[in-house]
């Protein structure tokens, strides 16, 4: 009896051991610190000192800061650096990220962003006070969101539209929430596409952090004039809590129009939506079959042989 060859089945993927929770949280804290230090720092230097020229320069610093943070900490924690990313991963990639890690990650991310705000304040405190004096701002009073915006975020953007009561009426907190949800949905769509191992056109692990940072930069360029484009609950709430303690009071929290919640709810709604849309619309192969997907190499064309023997074109 002739043996019938059995079809080759791809071996199951090797499952890498999760880093310890302590190491992972340390990675998230350090990564969120780097992200907020360069991100909030770019806003601070632009608003307080005029060092940045135009929104794109601020956006580029944000983007590179995020890329560097991912490169530095991904091995320890996966470099979520954003509570909405952690939520999306927990919901859409349950087989790779335990739900029990969600709250510890959120705490580490919030702590990292808070510490970054404290560091920036220690560096720039006299210059912030000088800026407030030059613009006749009383910290904690209406209008002082023009200096508080270097920590927390406000919609409409005070640096673009000012702080008059009529300006605040341009965007309700609900509208700010929807814009933040939109921006975060777009960001998570890109993140899930860039790190998808079955996406043959993705840049690969070495370049994915760069393009994630670049994605943030282009989103900031479009949405920051409206809401400052937070896209990250820890990035907003951590520095906002520091601003509350540093004298901005109710201008920091809840904000002049009670807008603070929009920067929390918007990303938490939009992030999982963007990740889900990527999975449903683009990611066709089930996750369980991921390791069996192999893209055939493009055959090499022997142009010399074809030129020498044109009659054998198309033959082996």
C-alpha atoms as a PDB file:
ATOM      1  CA  UNK A   1       0.000   0.000   0.000  1.00  0.00           C
ATOM      2  CA  UNK A   2       1.362   3.350  -1.002  1.00  0.00           C
ATOM      3  CA  UNK A   3       1.575   5.775   1.879  1.00  0.00           C
ATOM      4  CA  UNK A   4      -0.434   8.916   1.355  1.00  0.00           C
ATOM      5  CA  UNK A   5       1.606  11.950   2.345  1.00  0.00           C
ATOM      6  CA  UNK A   6      -0.009  13.880   5.111  1.00  0.00           C
ATOM      7  CA  UNK A   7      -0.374  17.630   4.659  1.00  0.00           C
ATOM      8  CA  UNK A   8       2.177  19.710   6.467  1.00  0.00           C
ATOM      9  CA  UNK A   9       0.757  21.595   9.372  1.00  0.00           C
ATOM     10  CA  UNK A  10       2.506  24.670  10.678  1.00  0.00           C
ATOM     11  CA  UNK A  11       3.764  24.112  14.202  1.00  0.00           C
ATOM     12  CA  UNK A  12       2.095  26.117  16.912  1.00  0.00           C
ATOM     13  CA  UNK A  13       3.719  29.407  17.671  1.00  0.00           C
ATOM     14  CA  UNK A  14       6.121  29.501  20.532  1.00  0.00           C
ATOM     15  CA  UNK A  15       4.619  31.503  23.341  1.00  0.00           C
ATOM     16  CA  UNK A  16       7.086  33.862  24.943  1.00  0.00           C
ATOM     17  CA  UNK A  17       6.875  34.133  28.695  1.00  0.00           C
ATOM     18  CA  UNK A  18       5.322  37.342  29.917  1.00  0.00           C
ATOM     19  CA  UNK A  19       7.714  39.662  31.727  1.00  0.00           C
ATOM     20  CA  UNK A  20       7.044  39.870  35.443  1.00  0.00           C
ATOM     21  CA  UNK A  21       4.335  42.327  36.397  1.00  0.00           C
ATOM     22  CA  UNK A  22       6.833  44.477  38.272  1.00  0.00           C
ATOM     23  CA  UNK A  23       9.141  44.728  35.270  1.00  0.00           C
ATOM     24  CA  UNK A  24       6.221  45.410  32.945  1.00  0.00           C
ATOM     25  CA  UNK A  25       4.866  48.193  35.151  1.00  0.00           C
ATOM     26  CA  UNK A  26       8.326  49.704  35.418  1.00  0.00           C
ATOM     27  CA  UNK A  27       8.486  49.695  31.625  1.00  0.00           C
ATOM     28  CA  UNK A  28       5.103  51.403  31.360  1.00  0.00           C
ATOM     29  CA  UNK A  29       6.043  54.016  33.955  1.00  0.00           C
ATOM     30  CA  UNK A  30       9.335  54.834  32.243  1.00  0.00           C
ATOM     31  CA  UNK A  31       7.766  54.813  28.785  1.00  0.00           C
ATOM     32  CA  UNK A  32       4.883  57.075  29.810  1.00  0.00           C
ATOM     33  CA  UNK A  33       7.401  59.378  31.486  1.00  0.00           C
ATOM     34  CA  UNK A  34       9.427  59.660  28.270  1.00  0.00           C
ATOM     35  CA  UNK A  35       6.276  60.178  26.203  1.00  0.00           C
ATOM     36  CA  UNK A  36       4.921  62.934  28.464  1.00  0.00           C
ATOM     37  CA  UNK A  37       8.314  64.568  29.031  1.00  0.00           C
ATOM     38  CA  UNK A  38       8.936  65.126  25.339  1.00  0.00           C
ATOM     39  CA  UNK A  39       5.277  65.580  24.409  1.00  0.00           C
ATOM     40  CA  UNK A  40       4.226  68.001  27.129  1.00  0.00           C
ATOM     41  CA  UNK A  41       7.704  69.491  26.959  1.00  0.00           C
ATOM     42  CA  UNK A  42       7.239  70.381  23.292  1.00  0.00           C
ATOM     43  CA  UNK A  43       3.939  72.115  24.098  1.00  0.00           C
ATOM     44  CA  UNK A  44       5.521  73.883  27.063  1.00  0.00           C
ATOM     45  CA  UNK A  45       8.506  75.136  25.099  1.00  0.00           C
ATOM     46  CA  UNK A  46       6.236  76.309  22.268  1.00  0.00           C
ATOM     47  CA  UNK A  47       3.713  78.146  24.464  1.00  0.00           C
ATOM     48  CA  UNK A  48       5.979  79.484  27.211  1.00  0.00           C
ATOM     49  CA  UNK A  49       9.180  80.264  25.308  1.00  0.00           C
ATOM     50  CA  UNK A  50       8.122  80.339  21.647  1.00  0.00           C
ATOM     51  CA  UNK A  51      10.897  77.871  20.863  1.00  0.00           C
ATOM     52  CA  UNK A  52       8.865  75.776  18.424  1.00  0.00           C
ATOM     53  CA  UNK A  53       7.787  77.301  15.115  1.00  0.00           C
ATOM     54  CA  UNK A  54       4.332  76.144  14.141  1.00  0.00           C
ATOM     55  CA  UNK A  55       2.201  73.167  15.068  1.00  0.00           C
ATOM     56  CA  UNK A  56       4.172  70.683  12.964  1.00  0.00           C
ATOM     57  CA  UNK A  57       7.311  71.159  15.026  1.00  0.00           C
ATOM     58  CA  UNK A  58       5.355  70.384  18.196  1.00  0.00           C
ATOM     59  CA  UNK A  59       3.777  67.373  16.501  1.00  0.00           C
ATOM     60  CA  UNK A  60       7.144  66.045  15.317  1.00  0.00           C
ATOM     61  CA  UNK A  61       8.635  66.240  18.820  1.00  0.00           C
ATOM     62  CA  UNK A  62       5.562  64.424  20.125  1.00  0.00           C
ATOM     63  CA  UNK A  63       5.956  61.745  17.479  1.00  0.00           C
ATOM     64  CA  UNK A  64       9.665  61.182  18.008  1.00  0.00           C
ATOM     65  CA  UNK A  65       9.163  61.163  21.778  1.00  0.00           C
ATOM     66  CA  UNK A  66       6.614  58.373  21.424  1.00  0.00           C
ATOM     67  CA  UNK A  67       8.851  56.421  19.052  1.00  0.00           C
ATOM     68  CA  UNK A  68      11.797  56.647  21.445  1.00  0.00           C
ATOM     69  CA  UNK A  69       9.605  55.622  24.370  1.00  0.00           C
ATOM     70  CA  UNK A  70       8.445  52.523  22.490  1.00  0.00           C
ATOM     71  CA  UNK A  71      11.948  51.562  21.423  1.00  0.00           C
ATOM     72  CA  UNK A  72      13.174  51.953  24.999  1.00  0.00           C
ATOM     73  CA  UNK A  73      10.473  49.989  26.816  1.00  0.00           C
ATOM     74  CA  UNK A  74       8.743  47.568  24.448  1.00  0.00           C
ATOM     75  CA  UNK A  75      10.868  44.629  25.593  1.00  0.00           C
ATOM     76  CA  UNK A  76       9.718  45.096  29.169  1.00  0.00           C
ATOM     77  CA  UNK A  77       6.004  45.734  28.764  1.00  0.00           C
ATOM     78  CA  UNK A  78       4.944  45.868  25.136  1.00  0.00           C
ATOM     79  CA  UNK A  79       5.053  49.680  25.372  1.00  0.00           C
ATOM     80  CA  UNK A  80       1.354  50.439  25.596  1.00  0.00           C
ATOM     81  CA  UNK A  81       2.084  53.802  27.282  1.00  0.00           C
ATOM     82  CA  UNK A  82      -1.580  54.719  26.948  1.00  0.00           C
ATOM     83  CA  UNK A  83      -4.529  53.356  28.953  1.00  0.00           C
ATOM     84  CA  UNK A  84      -6.697  53.218  25.848  1.00  0.00           C
ATOM     85  CA  UNK A  85      -4.089  51.057  24.077  1.00  0.00           C
ATOM     86  CA  UNK A  86      -4.023  48.742  27.076  1.00  0.00           C
ATOM     87  CA  UNK A  87      -7.818  48.486  26.941  1.00  0.00           C
ATOM     88  CA  UNK A  88      -7.798  47.780  23.201  1.00  0.00           C
ATOM     89  CA  UNK A  89      -5.143  45.085  23.565  1.00  0.00           C
ATOM     90  CA  UNK A  90      -7.014  43.494  26.470  1.00  0.00           C
ATOM     91  CA  UNK A  91     -10.230  43.413  24.432  1.00  0.00           C
ATOM     92  CA  UNK A  92      -8.873  42.457  21.010  1.00  0.00           C
ATOM     93  CA  UNK A  93      -5.769  40.372  21.863  1.00  0.00           C
ATOM     94  CA  UNK A  94      -6.945  38.473  24.923  1.00  0.00           C
ATOM     95  CA  UNK A  95      -4.706  35.505  24.173  1.00  0.00           C
ATOM     96  CA  UNK A  96      -1.559  37.618  24.526  1.00  0.00           C
ATOM     97  CA  UNK A  97      -2.409  40.084  27.289  1.00  0.00           C
ATOM     98  CA  UNK A  98      -4.028  39.064  30.591  1.00  0.00           C
ATOM     99  CA  UNK A  99      -6.899  41.278  31.710  1.00  0.00           C
ATOM    100  CA  UNK A 100      -5.469  41.216  35.237  1.00  0.00           C
ATOM    101  CA  UNK A 101      -2.683  43.516  34.039  1.00  0.00           C
ATOM    102  CA  UNK A 102      -4.967  46.305  32.857  1.00  0.00           C
ATOM    103  CA  UNK A 103      -5.275  48.217  36.142  1.00  0.00           C
ATOM    104  CA  UNK A 104      -1.564  47.933  37.077  1.00  0.00           C
ATOM    105  CA  UNK A 105      -0.629  49.195  33.606  1.00  0.00           C
ATOM    106  CA  UNK A 106      -3.033  52.130  33.948  1.00  0.00           C
ATOM    107  CA  UNK A 107      -1.567  53.054  37.311  1.00  0.00           C
ATOM    108  CA  UNK A 108       2.006  52.922  36.000  1.00  0.00           C
ATOM    109  CA  UNK A 109       1.119  55.015  32.942  1.00  0.00           C
ATOM    110  CA  UNK A 110      -0.607  57.658  35.058  1.00  0.00           C
ATOM    111  CA  UNK A 111       2.320  57.805  37.478  1.00  0.00           C
ATOM    112  CA  UNK A 112       4.826  58.190  34.649  1.00  0.00           C
ATOM    113  CA  UNK A 113       2.932  61.088  33.080  1.00  0.00           C
ATOM    114  CA  UNK A 114       2.515  62.792  36.480  1.00  0.00           C
ATOM    115  CA  UNK A 115       6.246  62.529  37.203  1.00  0.00           C
ATOM    116  CA  UNK A 116       7.085  63.934  33.772  1.00  0.00           C
ATOM    117  CA  UNK A 117       4.865  66.957  34.463  1.00  0.00           C
ATOM    118  CA  UNK A 118       6.570  67.472  37.821  1.00  0.00           C
ATOM    119  CA  UNK A 119       9.995  67.318  36.159  1.00  0.00           C
ATOM    120  CA  UNK A 120       9.010  69.840  33.499  1.00  0.00           C
ATOM    121  CA  UNK A 121       7.583  72.194  36.128  1.00  0.00           C
ATOM    122  CA  UNK A 122      10.805  71.994  38.122  1.00  0.00           C
ATOM    123  CA  UNK A 123      12.720  73.038  35.000  1.00  0.00           C
ATOM    124  CA  UNK A 124      10.359  75.732  33.712  1.00  0.00           C
ATOM    125  CA  UNK A 125       8.594  77.134  36.807  1.00  0.00           C
ATOM    126  CA  UNK A 126      10.144  80.639  36.696  1.00  0.00           C
ATOM    127  CA  UNK A 127       9.519  80.904  32.974  1.00  0.00           C
ATOM    128  CA  UNK A 128       5.874  79.861  33.391  1.00  0.00           C
ATOM    129  CA  UNK A 129       5.478  82.567  36.044  1.00  0.00           C
ATOM    130  CA  UNK A 130       7.131  85.097  33.717  1.00  0.00           C
ATOM    131  CA  UNK A 131       4.763  84.107  30.905  1.00  0.00           C
ATOM    132  CA  UNK A 132       1.747  84.506  33.200  1.00  0.00           C
ATOM    133  CA  UNK A 133       2.916  87.948  34.317  1.00  0.00           C
ATOM    134  CA  UNK A 134       3.524  89.072  30.735  1.00  0.00           C
ATOM    135  CA  UNK A 135       0.025  87.976  29.709  1.00  0.00           C
ATOM    136  CA  UNK A 136      -1.670  89.241  32.887  1.00  0.00           C
ATOM    137  CA  UNK A 137      -2.785  85.775  33.901  1.00  0.00           C
ATOM    138  CA  UNK A 138      -3.695  84.885  37.468  1.00  0.00           C
ATOM    139  CA  UNK A 139      -3.053  81.209  37.989  1.00  0.00           C
ATOM    140  CA  UNK A 140      -6.267  79.399  38.809  1.00  0.00           C
ATOM    141  CA  UNK A 141      -8.492  82.174  37.478  1.00  0.00           C
ATOM    142  CA  UNK A 142     -10.408  82.223  34.174  1.00  0.00           C
ATOM    143  CA  UNK A 143      -8.008  82.679  31.313  1.00  0.00           C
ATOM    144  CA  UNK A 144      -5.133  80.877  32.999  1.00  0.00           C
ATOM    145  CA  UNK A 145      -5.825  77.804  30.904  1.00  0.00           C
ATOM    146  CA  UNK A 146      -3.444  79.568  28.500  1.00  0.00           C
ATOM    147  CA  UNK A 147      -0.622  78.485  30.805  1.00  0.00           C
ATOM    148  CA  UNK A 148      -2.311  75.360  32.181  1.00  0.00           C
ATOM    149  CA  UNK A 149      -2.545  73.953  28.647  1.00  0.00           C
ATOM    150  CA  UNK A 150       1.107  72.945  28.823  1.00  0.00           C
ATOM    151  CA  UNK A 151       0.018  70.203  31.234  1.00  0.00           C
ATOM    152  CA  UNK A 152      -3.630  69.290  30.667  1.00  0.00           C
ATOM    153  CA  UNK A 153      -5.636  69.906  27.517  1.00  0.00           C
ATOM    154  CA  UNK A 154      -8.470  72.205  26.580  1.00  0.00           C
ATOM    155  CA  UNK A 155     -10.912  72.494  23.743  1.00  0.00           C
ATOM    156  CA  UNK A 156     -10.955  74.725  21.834  1.00  0.00           C
ATOM    157  CA  UNK A 157      -7.173  75.082  21.919  1.00  0.00           C
ATOM    158  CA  UNK A 158      -6.458  78.244  23.986  1.00  0.00           C
ATOM    159  CA  UNK A 159      -3.277  79.040  22.037  1.00  0.00           C
ATOM    160  CA  UNK A 160      -5.274  79.115  18.783  1.00  0.00           C
ATOM    161  CA  UNK A 161      -8.672  80.515  19.750  1.00  0.00           C
ATOM    162  CA  UNK A 162      -8.016  82.303  23.047  1.00  0.00           C
ATOM    163  CA  UNK A 163      -9.866  81.922  26.323  1.00  0.00           C
ATOM    164  CA  UNK A 164     -12.880  84.229  26.037  1.00  0.00           C
ATOM    165  CA  UNK A 165     -16.238  82.776  27.147  1.00  0.00           C
ATOM    166  CA  UNK A 166     -17.508  83.010  23.580  1.00  0.00           C
ATOM    167  CA  UNK A 167     -14.594  80.840  22.481  1.00  0.00           C
ATOM    168  CA  UNK A 168     -15.501  78.122  24.971  1.00  0.00           C
ATOM    169  CA  UNK A 169     -18.927  77.920  23.345  1.00  0.00           C
ATOM    170  CA  UNK A 170     -17.369  76.814  20.042  1.00  0.00           C
ATOM    171  CA  UNK A 171     -16.873  73.273  21.330  1.00  0.00           C
ATOM    172  CA  UNK A 172     -18.973  71.600  23.992  1.00  0.00           C
ATOM    173  CA  UNK A 173     -17.341  68.950  26.177  1.00  0.00           C
ATOM    174  CA  UNK A 174     -19.353  66.364  24.261  1.00  0.00           C
ATOM    175  CA  UNK A 175     -17.929  67.633  20.966  1.00  0.00           C
ATOM    176  CA  UNK A 176     -14.424  67.494  22.442  1.00  0.00           C
ATOM    177  CA  UNK A 177     -15.098  63.908  23.493  1.00  0.00           C
ATOM    178  CA  UNK A 178     -16.181  62.952  19.973  1.00  0.00           C
ATOM    179  CA  UNK A 179     -13.098  64.554  18.404  1.00  0.00           C
ATOM    180  CA  UNK A 180     -10.820  62.784  20.879  1.00  0.00           C
ATOM    181  CA  UNK A 181     -12.620  59.509  20.160  1.00  0.00           C
ATOM    182  CA  UNK A 182     -12.133  60.026  16.421  1.00  0.00           C
ATOM    183  CA  UNK A 183      -8.419  60.774  16.744  1.00  0.00           C
ATOM    184  CA  UNK A 184      -7.829  57.825  19.055  1.00  0.00           C
ATOM    185  CA  UNK A 185      -9.783  55.481  16.772  1.00  0.00           C
ATOM    186  CA  UNK A 186      -7.573  56.481  13.846  1.00  0.00           C
ATOM    187  CA  UNK A 187      -4.455  56.021  15.964  1.00  0.00           C
ATOM    188  CA  UNK A 188      -5.435  52.534  17.146  1.00  0.00           C
ATOM    189  CA  UNK A 189      -6.367  51.516  13.624  1.00  0.00           C
ATOM    190  CA  UNK A 190      -2.822  52.393  12.577  1.00  0.00           C
ATOM    191  CA  UNK A 191      -1.214  50.763  15.626  1.00  0.00           C
ATOM    192  CA  UNK A 192      -2.981  47.461  15.067  1.00  0.00           C
ATOM    193  CA  UNK A 193      -2.077  47.556  11.360  1.00  0.00           C
ATOM    194  CA  UNK A 194       1.573  48.379  12.016  1.00  0.00           C
ATOM    195  CA  UNK A 195       2.130  45.584  14.552  1.00  0.00           C
ATOM    196  CA  UNK A 196       0.062  42.937  12.752  1.00  0.00           C
ATOM    197  CA  UNK A 197       2.497  40.153  11.838  1.00  0.00           C
ATOM    198  CA  UNK A 198       0.206  39.020   9.024  1.00  0.00           C
ATOM    199  CA  UNK A 199       0.251  42.437   7.388  1.00  0.00           C
ATOM    200  CA  UNK A 200       2.823  41.789   4.660  1.00  0.00           C
ATOM    201  CA  UNK A 201       3.212  45.509   3.976  1.00  0.00           C
ATOM    202  CA  UNK A 202       3.782  46.541   7.594  1.00  0.00           C
ATOM    203  CA  UNK A 203       7.224  48.062   8.236  1.00  0.00           C
ATOM    204  CA  UNK A 204       8.299  45.324  10.662  1.00  0.00           C
ATOM    205  CA  UNK A 205       9.146  45.366  14.341  1.00  0.00           C
ATOM    206  CA  UNK A 206      12.200  47.595  13.960  1.00  0.00           C
ATOM    207  CA  UNK A 207      10.331  50.397  12.193  1.00  0.00           C
ATOM    208  CA  UNK A 208       6.839  50.073  13.684  1.00  0.00           C
ATOM    209  CA  UNK A 209       7.617  52.431  16.619  1.00  0.00           C
ATOM    210  CA  UNK A 210       8.744  55.128  14.200  1.00  0.00           C
ATOM    211  CA  UNK A 211       5.531  54.912  12.187  1.00  0.00           C
ATOM    212  CA  UNK A 212       3.373  54.813  15.318  1.00  0.00           C
ATOM    213  CA  UNK A 213       5.020  58.061  16.402  1.00  0.00           C
ATOM    214  CA  UNK A 214       4.562  59.470  12.914  1.00  0.00           C
ATOM    215  CA  UNK A 215       0.863  58.530  13.057  1.00  0.00           C
ATOM    216  CA  UNK A 216       0.501  60.521  16.265  1.00  0.00           C
ATOM    217  CA  UNK A 217       2.251  63.488  14.648  1.00  0.00           C
ATOM    218  CA  UNK A 218      -0.071  63.632  11.656  1.00  0.00           C
ATOM    219  CA  UNK A 219      -3.178  63.263  13.845  1.00  0.00           C
ATOM    220  CA  UNK A 220      -1.931  66.091  16.083  1.00  0.00           C
ATOM    221  CA  UNK A 221      -1.415  68.267  13.011  1.00  0.00           C
ATOM    222  CA  UNK A 222      -5.102  67.957  12.124  1.00  0.00           C
ATOM    223  CA  UNK A 223      -6.882  67.824  15.492  1.00  0.00           C
ATOM    224  CA  UNK A 224      -4.644  69.756  17.905  1.00  0.00           C
ATOM    225  CA  UNK A 225      -6.017  73.166  16.847  1.00  0.00           C
ATOM    226  CA  UNK A 226      -9.387  71.947  18.092  1.00  0.00           C
ATOM    227  CA  UNK A 227      -8.745  69.870  21.229  1.00  0.00           C
ATOM    228  CA  UNK A 228      -4.940  69.728  21.539  1.00  0.00           C
ATOM    229  CA  UNK A 229      -5.265  66.061  20.456  1.00  0.00           C
ATOM    230  CA  UNK A 230      -4.665  64.225  23.718  1.00  0.00           C
ATOM    231  CA  UNK A 231      -5.482  60.698  22.479  1.00  0.00           C
ATOM    232  CA  UNK A 232      -4.197  59.311  25.778  1.00  0.00           C
ATOM    233  CA  UNK A 233      -5.999  59.463  29.147  1.00  0.00           C
ATOM    234  CA  UNK A 234      -2.763  59.162  31.152  1.00  0.00           C
ATOM    235  CA  UNK A 235      -1.040  61.881  29.146  1.00  0.00           C
ATOM    236  CA  UNK A 236      -3.879  64.253  30.043  1.00  0.00           C
ATOM    237  CA  UNK A 237      -4.918  63.221  33.538  1.00  0.00           C
ATOM    238  CA  UNK A 238      -1.433  62.791  35.025  1.00  0.00           C
ATOM    239  CA  UNK A 239      -0.201  66.302  34.113  1.00  0.00           C
ATOM    240  CA  UNK A 240      -3.657  67.739  34.846  1.00  0.00           C
ATOM    241  CA  UNK A 241      -3.499  66.376  38.385  1.00  0.00           C
ATOM    242  CA  UNK A 242      -0.073  67.937  38.778  1.00  0.00           C
ATOM    243  CA  UNK A 243      -1.422  71.279  37.529  1.00  0.00           C
ATOM    244  CA  UNK A 244      -4.212  71.015  40.104  1.00  0.00           C
ATOM    245  CA  UNK A 245      -1.598  70.715  42.850  1.00  0.00           C
ATOM    246  CA  UNK A 246       0.625  73.424  41.336  1.00  0.00           C
ATOM    247  CA  UNK A 247      -1.964  76.175  41.734  1.00  0.00           C
ATOM    248  CA  UNK A 248      -4.260  76.027  38.718  1.00  0.00           C
ATOM    249  CA  UNK A 249      -7.076  74.627  40.858  1.00  0.00           C
ATOM    250  CA  UNK A 250     -10.428  74.380  39.117  1.00  0.00           C
ATOM    251  CA  UNK A 251      -8.902  75.576  35.838  1.00  0.00           C
ATOM    252  CA  UNK A 252      -7.002  72.288  35.803  1.00  0.00           C
ATOM    253  CA  UNK A 253      -9.771  70.111  37.162  1.00  0.00           C
ATOM    254  CA  UNK A 254     -12.606  70.096  36.149  1.00  0.00           C
ATOM    255  CA  UNK A 255     -11.597  72.862  33.715  1.00  0.00           C
ATOM    256  CA  UNK A 256     -13.391  76.087  32.756  1.00  0.00           C
ATOM    257  CA  UNK A 257     -16.217  74.232  31.010  1.00  0.00           C
ATOM    258  CA  UNK A 258     -15.893  70.915  32.859  1.00  0.00           C
ATOM    259  CA  UNK A 259     -14.145  69.395  29.875  1.00  0.00           C
ATOM    260  CA  UNK A 260     -11.700  67.118  31.675  1.00  0.00           C
ATOM    261  CA  UNK A 261     -13.804  63.974  31.331  1.00  0.00           C
ATOM    262  CA  UNK A 262     -13.850  64.237  27.521  1.00  0.00           C
ATOM    263  CA  UNK A 263     -10.112  63.470  27.415  1.00  0.00           C
ATOM    264  CA  UNK A 264     -10.729  60.271  29.380  1.00  0.00           C
ATOM    265  CA  UNK A 265     -13.955  58.983  27.856  1.00  0.00           C
ATOM    266  CA  UNK A 266     -13.116  59.884  24.250  1.00  0.00           C
ATOM    267  CA  UNK A 267      -9.943  57.768  23.993  1.00  0.00           C
ATOM    268  CA  UNK A 268     -11.501  54.883  25.905  1.00  0.00           C
ATOM    269  CA  UNK A 269     -14.370  54.800  23.408  1.00  0.00           C
ATOM    270  CA  UNK A 270     -12.443  55.546  20.251  1.00  0.00           C
ATOM    271  CA  UNK A 271      -9.425  53.308  20.823  1.00  0.00           C
ATOM    272  CA  UNK A 272     -11.229  49.948  20.965  1.00  0.00           C
ATOM    273  CA  UNK A 273     -13.461  51.104  18.094  1.00  0.00           C
ATOM    274  CA  UNK A 274     -10.456  51.731  15.854  1.00  0.00           C
ATOM    275  CA  UNK A 275      -8.844  48.419  16.815  1.00  0.00           C
ATOM    276  CA  UNK A 276     -12.107  46.574  16.161  1.00  0.00           C
ATOM    277  CA  UNK A 277     -12.542  48.218  12.765  1.00  0.00           C
ATOM    278  CA  UNK A 278      -9.053  47.092  11.779  1.00  0.00           C
ATOM    279  CA  UNK A 279      -9.784  43.534  12.855  1.00  0.00           C
ATOM    280  CA  UNK A 280     -13.145  43.384  11.080  1.00  0.00           C
ATOM    281  CA  UNK A 281     -12.313  45.235   7.892  1.00  0.00           C
ATOM    282  CA  UNK A 282      -8.651  44.450   7.248  1.00  0.00           C
ATOM    283  CA  UNK A 283      -7.446  41.572   9.421  1.00  0.00           C
ATOM    284  CA  UNK A 284      -9.184  38.769   7.526  1.00  0.00           C
ATOM    285  CA  UNK A 285      -7.310  35.754   8.868  1.00  0.00           C
ATOM    286  CA  UNK A 286      -8.410  34.555  12.322  1.00  0.00           C
ATOM    287  CA  UNK A 287      -5.830  35.031  15.022  1.00  0.00           C
ATOM    288  CA  UNK A 288      -5.768  31.263  15.626  1.00  0.00           C
ATOM    289  CA  UNK A 289      -4.398  30.749  12.105  1.00  0.00           C
ATOM    290  CA  UNK A 290      -1.824  33.502  12.252  1.00  0.00           C
ATOM    291  CA  UNK A 291       1.218  31.216  12.457  1.00  0.00           C
ATOM    292  CA  UNK A 292       0.124  29.125   9.469  1.00  0.00           C
ATOM    293  CA  UNK A 293       0.003  32.104   7.142  1.00  0.00           C
ATOM    294  CA  UNK A 294       3.138  32.102   4.985  1.00  0.00           C
ATOM    295  CA  UNK A 295       3.620  34.458   2.085  1.00  0.00           C
ATOM    296  CA  UNK A 296       5.378  32.732  -0.782  1.00  0.00           C
ATOM    297  CA  UNK A 297       8.596  34.337  -1.891  1.00  0.00           C
ATOM    298  CA  UNK A 298       8.444  36.109  -5.246  1.00  0.00           C
ATOM    299  CA  UNK A 299      10.137  33.865  -7.839  1.00  0.00           C
ATOM    300  CA  UNK A 300      13.458  35.196  -9.088  1.00  0.00           C
ATOM    301  CA  UNK A 301      13.404  35.947 -12.799  1.00  0.00           C
ATOM    302  CA  UNK A 302      16.554  34.814 -14.618  1.00  0.00           C
ATOM    303  CA  UNK A 303      16.724  37.546 -17.239  1.00  0.00           C
ATOM    304  CA  UNK A 304      20.039  36.244 -18.645  1.00  0.00           C
ATOM    305  CA  UNK A 305      18.538  32.822 -19.403  1.00  0.00           C
ATOM    306  CA  UNK A 306      15.499  34.374 -21.055  1.00  0.00           C
ATOM    307  CA  UNK A 307      17.685  36.572 -23.249  1.00  0.00           C
ATOM    308  CA  UNK A 308      19.861  33.611 -24.271  1.00  0.00           C
ATOM    309  CA  UNK A 309      16.959  31.228 -24.937  1.00  0.00           C
ATOM    310  CA  UNK A 310      13.854  33.248 -25.828  1.00  0.00           C
ATOM    311  CA  UNK A 311      12.207  30.084 -27.206  1.00  0.00           C
ATOM    312  CA  UNK A 312      12.085  28.704 -23.635  1.00  0.00           C
ATOM    313  CA  UNK A 313      10.291  31.734 -22.181  1.00  0.00           C
ATOM    314  CA  UNK A 314       7.979  30.586 -19.422  1.00  0.00           C
ATOM    315  CA  UNK A 315       9.595  27.110 -19.177  1.00  0.00           C
ATOM    316  CA  UNK A 316      11.677  25.911 -16.227  1.00  0.00           C
END
